[in-house]
C-alpha cells in the first residue's frame, strides 16, 4: 500500500509562491498518476493538477493553468506542485492522491485510491 507524505503548505500573501511536495512511502509511483486536489471550507473537493509518472503527461484545472506547475522529482520519488501568483481563492487544504485513472477520469476524485493527509495553504494579506 502506498502512503503519501505531503509538505510545503503555509501562509503567504497574494502574489507569492509556494511549492508543495508529495512523496511515496512504502511504495513507488511507478505506473500511477499522481494528482493534487484541494478543498476549501464548505466547498467540494476539486481537482488542481495531475501527472502520469511514466510519461510525465500533465493535466491542469482551468483555474490554475499558467500559474501552477506539476512535475516529477525522480531522485526523491516525489511529485512537486509549484504554485505561483497565489490568490486568496487558492486558500484550501491541498491533498495529494494516487491512482490509475484513464484520461476521461483524470480530474475525478473517485479515480484515486490513495490519499495524503492534506496540507493547508492560506493566501491572505
N, C-alpha and C. Protein backbone atom coordinates (compact mmCIF):
# COMPACT_ATOMS: atom_id res chain seq x y z
N UNK A 1 0.84 -1.19 0.00
CA UNK A 1 0.00 0.00 0.00
C UNK A 1 0.88 1.24 0.00
N UNK A 2 0.52 2.20 -0.83
CA UNK A 2 1.29 3.44 -0.93
C UNK A 2 0.79 4.42 0.11
N UNK A 3 1.73 4.95 0.90
CA UNK A 3 1.39 6.03 1.83
C UNK A 3 2.00 7.32 1.31
N UNK A 4 1.24 8.39 1.41
CA UNK A 4 1.65 9.66 0.83
C UNK A 4 2.00 10.65 1.93
N UNK A 5 3.14 11.31 1.77
CA UNK A 5 3.60 12.30 2.74
C UNK A 5 3.69 13.64 2.03
N UNK A 6 2.86 14.58 2.48
CA UNK A 6 2.81 15.91 1.86
C UNK A 6 3.57 16.91 2.70
N UNK A 7 4.10 17.93 2.03
CA UNK A 7 4.79 19.00 2.75
C UNK A 7 4.74 20.27 1.91
N UNK A 8 4.94 21.42 2.59
CA UNK A 8 5.12 22.67 1.86
C UNK A 8 4.02 23.70 1.99
N UNK A 9 2.97 23.39 2.70
CA UNK A 9 1.91 24.38 2.86
C UNK A 9 2.34 25.53 3.75
N UNK A 10 1.49 26.55 3.85
CA UNK A 10 1.81 27.67 4.72
C UNK A 10 0.92 28.86 4.45
N UNK A 11 1.28 29.97 5.10
CA UNK A 11 0.55 31.23 4.97
C UNK A 11 1.41 32.19 4.15
N UNK A 12 0.84 32.69 3.06
CA UNK A 12 1.57 33.62 2.20
C UNK A 12 0.64 34.76 1.79
N UNK A 13 1.26 35.82 1.28
CA UNK A 13 0.48 36.95 0.79
C UNK A 13 0.09 36.74 -0.67
N UNK A 14 -0.94 37.41 -1.13
CA UNK A 14 -1.32 37.32 -2.55
C UNK A 14 -0.14 37.66 -3.46
N UNK A 15 0.00 36.87 -4.53
CA UNK A 15 1.09 37.06 -5.46
C UNK A 15 2.33 36.26 -5.15
N UNK A 16 2.39 35.68 -3.97
CA UNK A 16 3.56 34.91 -3.56
C UNK A 16 3.53 33.51 -4.18
N UNK A 17 4.59 32.75 -3.90
CA UNK A 17 4.72 31.38 -4.42
C UNK A 17 4.89 30.40 -3.27
N UNK A 18 4.47 29.18 -3.52
CA UNK A 18 4.69 28.06 -2.61
C UNK A 18 4.96 26.83 -3.45
N UNK A 19 5.70 25.87 -2.89
CA UNK A 19 5.89 24.60 -3.56
C UNK A 19 5.48 23.48 -2.62
N UNK A 20 4.55 22.68 -3.06
CA UNK A 20 4.11 21.51 -2.32
C UNK A 20 4.83 20.27 -2.84
N UNK A 21 5.08 19.33 -1.95
CA UNK A 21 5.67 18.06 -2.37
C UNK A 21 4.84 16.90 -1.85
N UNK A 22 4.87 15.82 -2.61
CA UNK A 22 4.17 14.59 -2.24
C UNK A 22 5.13 13.44 -2.49
N UNK A 23 5.48 12.73 -1.43
CA UNK A 23 6.41 11.62 -1.54
C UNK A 23 5.70 10.31 -1.20
N UNK A 24 6.15 9.25 -1.83
CA UNK A 24 5.57 7.93 -1.59
C UNK A 24 6.37 7.18 -0.54
N UNK A 25 5.68 6.67 0.46
CA UNK A 25 6.31 5.86 1.50
C UNK A 25 5.72 4.47 1.45
N UNK A 26 6.60 3.47 1.42
CA UNK A 26 6.10 2.11 1.36
C UNK A 26 5.77 1.65 -0.04
N UNK A 27 6.20 2.43 -1.03
CA UNK A 27 5.94 2.07 -2.42
C UNK A 27 6.53 3.11 -3.35
N UNK A 28 6.22 2.99 -4.60
CA UNK A 28 6.69 3.96 -5.59
C UNK A 28 5.51 4.42 -6.42
N UNK A 29 5.73 5.48 -7.17
CA UNK A 29 4.67 5.98 -8.04
C UNK A 29 4.59 5.18 -9.34
N UNK A 30 5.65 4.49 -9.68
CA UNK A 30 5.78 3.62 -10.85
C UNK A 30 4.76 3.88 -11.94
N UNK A 31 3.70 3.08 -12.03
CA UNK A 31 2.74 3.23 -13.13
C UNK A 31 1.47 3.97 -12.72
N UNK A 32 1.57 4.79 -11.68
CA UNK A 32 0.42 5.56 -11.23
C UNK A 32 0.36 6.95 -11.85
N UNK A 33 -0.78 7.57 -11.70
CA UNK A 33 -0.93 9.01 -11.87
C UNK A 33 -0.99 9.63 -10.48
N UNK A 34 -0.37 10.79 -10.33
CA UNK A 34 -0.38 11.50 -9.05
C UNK A 34 -1.07 12.84 -9.27
N UNK A 35 -2.01 13.15 -8.41
CA UNK A 35 -2.80 14.37 -8.57
C UNK A 35 -2.82 15.18 -7.29
N UNK A 36 -3.12 16.44 -7.46
CA UNK A 36 -3.41 17.33 -6.33
C UNK A 36 -4.86 17.78 -6.44
N UNK A 37 -5.56 17.66 -5.34
CA UNK A 37 -6.90 18.19 -5.20
C UNK A 37 -6.87 19.21 -4.06
N UNK A 38 -7.89 20.03 -3.98
CA UNK A 38 -7.97 20.97 -2.87
C UNK A 38 -9.41 21.10 -2.42
N UNK A 39 -9.56 21.47 -1.15
CA UNK A 39 -10.89 21.64 -0.60
C UNK A 39 -10.89 22.82 0.35
N UNK A 40 -11.71 23.81 0.02
CA UNK A 40 -11.91 24.97 0.88
C UNK A 40 -13.11 24.72 1.77
N UNK A 41 -13.21 25.42 2.90
CA UNK A 41 -14.35 25.22 3.79
C UNK A 41 -15.68 25.39 3.07
N UNK A 42 -16.58 24.47 3.28
CA UNK A 42 -17.92 24.48 2.71
C UNK A 42 -17.94 24.27 1.19
N UNK A 43 -16.80 23.89 0.63
CA UNK A 43 -16.74 23.60 -0.81
C UNK A 43 -16.45 22.12 -1.02
N UNK A 44 -16.77 21.64 -2.20
CA UNK A 44 -16.43 20.28 -2.55
C UNK A 44 -14.95 20.20 -2.92
N UNK A 45 -14.40 18.98 -2.81
CA UNK A 45 -13.03 18.79 -3.20
C UNK A 45 -12.92 18.97 -4.72
N UNK A 46 -11.91 19.73 -5.15
CA UNK A 46 -11.78 20.00 -6.58
C UNK A 46 -10.39 19.65 -7.08
N UNK A 47 -10.34 19.25 -8.34
CA UNK A 47 -9.11 18.89 -9.00
C UNK A 47 -8.25 20.12 -9.22
N UNK A 48 -6.93 19.96 -9.05
CA UNK A 48 -5.99 21.04 -9.29
C UNK A 48 -5.06 20.69 -10.45
N UNK A 49 -4.35 19.58 -10.33
CA UNK A 49 -3.39 19.17 -11.35
C UNK A 49 -3.05 17.70 -11.17
N UNK A 50 -2.56 17.08 -12.24
CA UNK A 50 -2.16 15.68 -12.18
C UNK A 50 -1.02 15.42 -13.16
N UNK A 51 -0.27 14.37 -12.88
CA UNK A 51 0.84 13.97 -13.75
C UNK A 51 0.93 12.46 -13.80
N UNK A 52 1.17 11.93 -14.97
CA UNK A 52 1.41 10.49 -15.11
C UNK A 52 2.90 10.25 -14.87
N UNK A 53 3.20 9.36 -13.93
CA UNK A 53 4.60 9.15 -13.56
C UNK A 53 5.40 8.56 -14.72
N UNK A 54 4.79 7.70 -15.53
CA UNK A 54 5.54 7.00 -16.58
C UNK A 54 5.99 7.93 -17.69
N UNK A 55 5.12 8.83 -18.15
CA UNK A 55 5.49 9.64 -19.30
C UNK A 55 5.47 11.15 -19.03
N UNK A 56 5.12 11.53 -17.81
CA UNK A 56 5.16 12.95 -17.45
C UNK A 56 4.03 13.78 -18.01
N UNK A 57 3.02 13.17 -18.61
CA UNK A 57 1.88 13.93 -19.13
C UNK A 57 1.19 14.67 -18.00
N UNK A 58 0.85 15.93 -18.24
CA UNK A 58 0.27 16.76 -17.18
C UNK A 58 -1.13 17.24 -17.54
N UNK A 59 -1.89 17.51 -16.50
CA UNK A 59 -3.28 17.95 -16.63
C UNK A 59 -3.51 19.03 -15.58
N UNK A 60 -4.26 20.07 -15.94
CA UNK A 60 -4.49 21.18 -15.03
C UNK A 60 -5.96 21.61 -15.04
N UNK A 61 -6.40 22.11 -13.91
CA UNK A 61 -7.69 22.79 -13.85
C UNK A 61 -7.53 24.16 -14.51
N UNK A 62 -8.57 24.62 -15.14
CA UNK A 62 -8.50 25.93 -15.82
C UNK A 62 -8.15 27.05 -14.85
N UNK A 63 -8.58 26.92 -13.61
CA UNK A 63 -8.37 27.98 -12.63
C UNK A 63 -6.91 28.16 -12.24
N UNK A 64 -6.07 27.16 -12.50
CA UNK A 64 -4.66 27.26 -12.10
C UNK A 64 -3.71 27.22 -13.29
N UNK A 65 -4.24 26.99 -14.47
CA UNK A 65 -3.39 26.88 -15.66
C UNK A 65 -2.60 28.17 -15.86
N UNK A 66 -1.30 28.03 -16.09
CA UNK A 66 -0.45 29.20 -16.27
C UNK A 66 0.15 29.72 -14.98
N UNK A 67 -0.38 29.29 -13.83
CA UNK A 67 0.15 29.73 -12.54
C UNK A 67 0.79 28.57 -11.77
N UNK A 68 0.21 27.39 -11.88
CA UNK A 68 0.70 26.21 -11.17
C UNK A 68 1.41 25.28 -12.16
N UNK A 69 2.40 24.57 -11.65
CA UNK A 69 3.12 23.60 -12.46
C UNK A 69 3.38 22.34 -11.66
N UNK A 70 3.02 21.19 -12.22
CA UNK A 70 3.23 19.91 -11.55
C UNK A 70 4.38 19.19 -12.25
N UNK A 71 5.25 18.54 -11.47
CA UNK A 71 6.42 17.89 -12.05
C UNK A 71 6.85 16.70 -11.21
N UNK A 72 7.70 15.86 -11.80
CA UNK A 72 8.25 14.70 -11.11
C UNK A 72 9.64 15.02 -10.57
N UNK A 73 9.90 14.61 -9.37
CA UNK A 73 11.24 14.66 -8.79
C UNK A 73 11.70 13.22 -8.69
N UNK A 74 12.30 12.73 -9.77
CA UNK A 74 12.64 11.30 -9.84
C UNK A 74 13.65 10.91 -8.76
N UNK A 75 14.59 11.80 -8.45
CA UNK A 75 15.64 11.48 -7.48
C UNK A 75 15.07 11.18 -6.11
N UNK A 76 13.97 11.86 -5.78
CA UNK A 76 13.38 11.69 -4.46
C UNK A 76 12.02 10.98 -4.50
N UNK A 77 11.69 10.43 -5.67
CA UNK A 77 10.40 9.74 -5.83
C UNK A 77 9.26 10.59 -5.28
N UNK A 78 9.23 11.83 -5.76
CA UNK A 78 8.21 12.76 -5.27
C UNK A 78 7.59 13.51 -6.44
N UNK A 79 6.44 14.08 -6.19
CA UNK A 79 5.76 14.95 -7.15
C UNK A 79 5.67 16.34 -6.53
N UNK A 80 6.01 17.34 -7.31
CA UNK A 80 6.03 18.72 -6.83
C UNK A 80 4.91 19.52 -7.48
N UNK A 81 4.33 20.42 -6.71
CA UNK A 81 3.34 21.36 -7.25
C UNK A 81 3.88 22.76 -6.96
N UNK A 82 4.38 23.42 -7.98
CA UNK A 82 4.86 24.79 -7.86
C UNK A 82 3.69 25.73 -8.09
N UNK A 83 3.41 26.56 -7.10
CA UNK A 83 2.26 27.46 -7.17
C UNK A 83 2.76 28.89 -7.17
N UNK A 84 2.56 29.58 -8.27
CA UNK A 84 2.98 30.98 -8.42
C UNK A 84 1.76 31.88 -8.53
N UNK A 85 1.94 33.15 -8.25
CA UNK A 85 0.84 34.09 -8.38
C UNK A 85 -0.37 33.70 -7.56
N UNK A 86 -0.14 33.29 -6.32
CA UNK A 86 -1.24 32.80 -5.49
C UNK A 86 -2.28 33.88 -5.22
N UNK A 87 -3.53 33.44 -5.18
CA UNK A 87 -4.67 34.33 -4.94
C UNK A 87 -5.41 33.87 -3.70
N UNK A 88 -6.22 34.75 -3.15
CA UNK A 88 -7.00 34.40 -1.96
C UNK A 88 -7.87 33.17 -2.21
N UNK A 89 -8.38 33.06 -3.42
CA UNK A 89 -9.25 31.92 -3.75
C UNK A 89 -8.51 30.59 -3.87
N UNK A 90 -7.19 30.63 -3.79
CA UNK A 90 -6.42 29.38 -3.76
C UNK A 90 -6.34 28.81 -2.34
N UNK A 91 -6.83 29.54 -1.37
CA UNK A 91 -6.81 29.07 0.02
C UNK A 91 -7.64 27.81 0.16
N UNK A 92 -7.01 26.75 0.67
CA UNK A 92 -7.68 25.45 0.82
C UNK A 92 -6.71 24.47 1.47
N UNK A 93 -7.23 23.31 1.83
CA UNK A 93 -6.38 22.18 2.18
C UNK A 93 -6.08 21.44 0.88
N UNK A 94 -4.81 21.22 0.62
CA UNK A 94 -4.37 20.55 -0.60
C UNK A 94 -4.03 19.10 -0.29
N UNK A 95 -4.58 18.20 -1.10
CA UNK A 95 -4.40 16.77 -0.91
C UNK A 95 -3.68 16.16 -2.11
N UNK A 96 -2.73 15.31 -1.82
CA UNK A 96 -2.08 14.50 -2.85
C UNK A 96 -2.84 13.18 -2.97
N UNK A 97 -2.97 12.69 -4.20
CA UNK A 97 -3.71 11.45 -4.42
C UNK A 97 -3.04 10.63 -5.51
N UNK A 98 -3.17 9.33 -5.42
CA UNK A 98 -2.55 8.41 -6.37
C UNK A 98 -3.59 7.43 -6.88
N UNK A 99 -3.54 7.15 -8.16
CA UNK A 99 -4.46 6.17 -8.74
C UNK A 99 -4.05 5.83 -10.15
N UNK A 100 -4.92 5.11 -10.83
CA UNK A 100 -4.68 4.74 -12.23
C UNK A 100 -5.87 5.16 -13.07
N UNK A 101 -6.14 6.46 -13.14
CA UNK A 101 -7.29 6.93 -13.92
C UNK A 101 -7.02 6.84 -15.41
N UNK A 102 -8.08 6.74 -16.18
CA UNK A 102 -7.96 6.91 -17.61
C UNK A 102 -8.09 8.41 -17.91
N UNK A 103 -7.87 8.80 -19.13
CA UNK A 103 -7.85 10.22 -19.46
C UNK A 103 -9.15 10.90 -19.04
N UNK A 104 -10.27 10.24 -19.28
CA UNK A 104 -11.56 10.87 -19.01
C UNK A 104 -11.85 11.01 -17.52
N UNK A 105 -11.13 10.31 -16.67
CA UNK A 105 -11.37 10.39 -15.22
C UNK A 105 -10.19 11.01 -14.48
N UNK A 106 -9.26 11.58 -15.20
CA UNK A 106 -8.06 12.14 -14.59
C UNK A 106 -8.41 13.21 -13.56
N UNK A 107 -9.50 13.93 -13.77
CA UNK A 107 -9.88 15.04 -12.89
C UNK A 107 -10.95 14.64 -11.87
N UNK A 108 -11.18 13.36 -11.72
CA UNK A 108 -12.24 12.85 -10.86
C UNK A 108 -11.66 12.26 -9.58
N UNK A 109 -12.07 12.75 -8.43
CA UNK A 109 -11.52 12.28 -7.15
C UNK A 109 -11.73 10.78 -6.96
N UNK A 110 -12.86 10.27 -7.45
CA UNK A 110 -13.15 8.85 -7.27
C UNK A 110 -12.20 7.91 -8.01
N UNK A 111 -11.41 8.44 -8.93
CA UNK A 111 -10.48 7.61 -9.68
C UNK A 111 -9.17 7.37 -8.93
N UNK A 112 -9.02 8.00 -7.78
CA UNK A 112 -7.78 7.90 -6.99
C UNK A 112 -8.07 7.16 -5.70
N UNK A 113 -7.15 6.24 -5.31
CA UNK A 113 -7.47 5.42 -4.14
C UNK A 113 -6.48 5.52 -3.00
N UNK A 114 -5.40 6.25 -3.16
CA UNK A 114 -4.53 6.56 -2.03
C UNK A 114 -4.50 8.07 -1.88
N UNK A 115 -4.67 8.54 -0.65
CA UNK A 115 -4.74 9.97 -0.37
C UNK A 115 -3.81 10.34 0.76
N UNK A 116 -3.23 11.53 0.68
CA UNK A 116 -2.44 12.06 1.77
C UNK A 116 -3.32 12.71 2.82
N UNK A 117 -2.68 13.21 3.86
CA UNK A 117 -3.41 13.78 4.99
C UNK A 117 -3.83 15.22 4.75
N UNK A 118 -3.26 15.84 3.75
CA UNK A 118 -3.60 17.21 3.42
C UNK A 118 -2.64 18.22 4.04
N UNK A 119 -2.44 19.33 3.34
CA UNK A 119 -1.60 20.41 3.86
C UNK A 119 -2.31 21.74 3.58
N UNK A 120 -2.32 22.61 4.57
CA UNK A 120 -3.08 23.86 4.48
C UNK A 120 -2.28 24.90 3.71
N UNK A 121 -2.95 25.53 2.76
CA UNK A 121 -2.40 26.68 2.05
C UNK A 121 -3.35 27.85 2.29
N UNK A 122 -2.82 28.93 2.86
CA UNK A 122 -3.61 30.11 3.14
C UNK A 122 -2.97 31.31 2.46
N UNK A 123 -3.77 31.99 1.65
CA UNK A 123 -3.30 33.17 0.93
C UNK A 123 -4.08 34.37 1.46
N UNK A 124 -3.38 35.24 2.16
CA UNK A 124 -4.06 36.35 2.82
C UNK A 124 -3.09 37.50 3.03
N UNK A 125 -3.62 38.71 2.92
CA UNK A 125 -2.79 39.88 3.20
C UNK A 125 -2.95 40.32 4.65
